[in-house]
Amino acid sequence: MDDANVPSLLAMSYLGDVKSTDKIYQNTRKFVWSEDNPYFFKGKAGEGIGGPHIGYDMIWPMSIMMKAFTSKDDKEIKWCIETLMKTDAGTGFMHESFHKDDPNNYTRSWFAWQNTLFGELIIKLIDEGKLGLLNSIQ
């Protein structure tokens, strides 16, 4: 199992522990983002990794951010950003977690760690020349 927090198995390349192209890391990444991980949740609102801290069916936006941080696939990165934007419950902020079927059911209306990490992701994408990708998001 993998947890949504950082550090995590998914975040290993983000943290610099392994290269994102490492075969074992790629297999691990596929595993943690699958139904084989008991804390992977998929529903009407989105999919991602949660953890034992909040309970079942609650996705941490941090896991979606880590998926984007560790991806080289623009389509996957775009999906991550779109999912993050549509699951903020209209608040304009990232929450600690949201329910897989209802983003209006969330924990922590203000969670600085998530919001800061989202800002870091956007800056990283701009630095990598992905402004066009960001501007293509509705």
Protein backbone atom coordinates (compact mmCIF):
# COMPACT_ATOMS: atom_id res chain seq x y z
CA MET A 1 0.00 0.00 0.00
CA ASP A 2 1.04 3.58 -0.50
CA ASP A 3 -0.17 6.64 1.34
CA ALA A 4 -0.99 10.01 -0.19
CA ASN A 5 1.47 11.94 1.98
CA VAL A 6 4.92 13.00 0.89
CA PRO A 7 7.19 11.15 1.34
CA SER A 8 5.56 8.23 -0.39
CA LEU A 9 6.39 5.59 -2.96
CA LEU A 10 4.78 7.74 -5.67
CA ALA A 11 6.86 10.76 -4.62
CA MET A 12 10.23 8.99 -4.76
CA SER A 13 11.34 10.61 -8.03
CA TYR A 14 9.96 14.01 -6.91
CA LEU A 15 12.15 13.72 -3.82
CA GLY A 16 15.17 12.75 -5.91
CA ASP A 17 15.46 9.22 -4.54
CA VAL A 18 15.19 7.58 -7.97
CA LYS A 19 15.02 8.70 -11.58
CA SER A 20 11.50 8.87 -12.96
CA THR A 21 12.59 6.54 -15.77
CA ASP A 22 13.75 3.78 -13.39
CA LYS A 23 11.88 0.56 -14.29
CA ILE A 24 11.24 -0.44 -10.68
CA TYR A 25 9.94 3.05 -9.92
CA GLN A 26 7.68 2.96 -13.00
CA ASN A 27 6.24 -0.40 -11.86
CA THR A 28 5.78 0.98 -8.35
CA ARG A 29 4.07 4.07 -9.75
CA LYS A 30 1.64 1.89 -11.72
CA PHE A 31 0.95 -0.24 -8.65
CA VAL A 32 0.21 2.60 -6.24
CA TRP A 33 -2.11 4.22 -8.79
CA SER A 34 -4.16 1.05 -9.17
CA GLU A 35 -6.90 -0.83 -7.40
CA ASP A 36 -4.22 -3.17 -6.02
CA ASN A 37 -3.42 -0.35 -3.57
CA PRO A 38 -6.13 -0.41 -0.86
CA TYR A 39 -5.88 3.39 -0.59
CA PHE A 40 -6.43 4.09 -4.28
CA PHE A 41 -9.94 5.42 -4.83
CA LYS A 42 -11.81 6.08 -8.06
CA GLY A 43 -15.21 7.70 -8.34
CA LYS A 44 -17.40 10.24 -10.15
CA ALA A 45 -15.34 13.24 -9.02
CA GLY A 46 -11.90 11.82 -9.61
CA GLU A 47 -9.32 9.25 -8.73
CA GLY A 48 -6.27 9.27 -6.52
CA ILE A 49 -4.65 8.00 -3.38
CA GLY A 50 -5.92 8.56 0.12
CA GLY A 51 -4.78 7.07 3.37
CA PRO A 52 -5.76 5.83 6.80
CA HIS A 53 -5.74 9.36 8.29
CA ILE A 54 -9.06 10.47 6.81
CA GLY A 55 -10.80 7.24 5.88
CA TYR A 56 -11.84 5.33 2.82
CA ASP A 57 -13.03 7.02 -0.37
CA MET A 58 -11.26 10.30 0.44
CA ILE A 59 -8.69 11.32 -2.17
CA TRP A 60 -5.80 13.58 -1.31
CA PRO A 61 -5.11 16.20 -4.01
CA MET A 62 -1.46 15.77 -3.03
CA SER A 63 -1.48 12.36 -4.70
CA ILE A 64 -2.77 13.89 -7.93
CA MET A 65 -0.07 16.56 -7.71
CA MET A 66 2.60 13.89 -7.22
CA LYS A 67 1.27 12.06 -10.27
CA ALA A 68 1.73 15.28 -12.27
CA PHE A 69 5.14 16.06 -10.73
CA THR A 70 6.43 12.60 -11.67
CA SER A 71 4.91 12.42 -15.15
CA LYS A 72 6.51 13.11 -18.52
CA ASP A 73 3.15 12.68 -20.31
CA ASP A 74 1.47 16.01 -21.13
CA LYS A 75 -1.95 14.36 -21.43
CA GLU A 76 -1.59 12.87 -17.94
CA ILE A 77 -0.33 16.17 -16.51
CA LYS A 78 -3.26 18.03 -18.06
CA TRP A 79 -5.69 15.48 -16.59
CA CYS A 80 -4.13 16.02 -13.17
CA ILE A 81 -4.43 19.82 -13.32
CA GLU A 82 -8.01 19.63 -14.61
CA THR A 83 -8.94 17.17 -11.86
CA LEU A 84 -7.39 19.38 -9.20
CA MET A 85 -9.26 22.42 -10.49
CA LYS A 86 -12.64 20.69 -10.69
CA THR A 87 -12.39 19.16 -7.21
CA ASP A 88 -11.81 22.35 -5.21
CA ALA A 89 -15.55 22.58 -4.38
CA GLY A 90 -15.63 26.03 -5.95
CA THR A 91 -13.40 27.49 -3.24
CA GLY A 92 -10.31 28.10 -5.35
CA PHE A 93 -8.23 26.20 -2.78
CA MET A 94 -6.83 22.72 -2.52
CA HIS A 95 -8.21 20.78 0.42
CA GLU A 96 -6.65 18.01 2.46
CA SER A 97 -8.96 15.48 0.80
CA PHE A 98 -12.19 15.20 -1.15
CA HIS A 99 -14.69 12.39 -1.52
CA LYS A 100 -14.22 10.34 -4.68
CA ASP A 101 -17.85 10.97 -5.73
CA ASP A 102 -18.45 14.45 -4.30
CA PRO A 103 -15.78 17.16 -4.17
CA ASN A 104 -18.08 19.25 -1.96
CA ASN A 105 -17.41 16.68 0.78
CA TYR A 106 -13.87 17.62 1.76
CA THR A 107 -11.58 17.97 4.76
CA ARG A 108 -9.72 21.12 5.82
CA SER A 109 -11.00 24.19 4.06
CA TRP A 110 -7.48 25.63 4.28
CA PHE A 111 -4.50 23.33 3.97
CA ALA A 112 -1.37 25.37 3.22
CA TRP A 113 0.74 22.34 2.31
CA GLN A 114 -1.59 21.35 -0.56
CA ASN A 115 -1.93 24.92 -1.82
CA THR A 116 1.83 25.50 -1.74
CA LEU A 117 2.49 22.22 -3.52
CA PHE A 118 -0.01 23.16 -6.23
CA GLY A 119 1.79 26.49 -6.70
CA GLU A 120 5.10 24.63 -6.94
CA LEU A 121 3.63 22.35 -9.61
CA ILE A 122 2.43 25.29 -11.70
CA ILE A 123 5.83 27.02 -11.45
CA LYS A 124 7.60 23.77 -12.40
CA LEU A 125 5.40 23.39 -15.48
CA ILE A 126 6.05 26.99 -16.53
CA ASP A 127 9.80 26.51 -16.01
CA GLU A 128 9.62 23.40 -18.21
CA GLY A 129 8.01 25.40 -21.02
CA LYS A 130 4.52 23.98 -20.52
CA LEU A 131 2.68 27.31 -20.48
CA GLY A 132 0.75 26.22 -23.58
CA LEU A 133 -0.44 23.12 -21.75
CA LEU A 134 -1.58 25.23 -18.80
CA ASN A 135 -3.31 27.76 -21.06
CA SER A 136 -5.19 24.93 -22.79
CA ILE A 137 -6.98 24.03 -19.56
CA GLN A 138 -10.53 25.32 -19.36
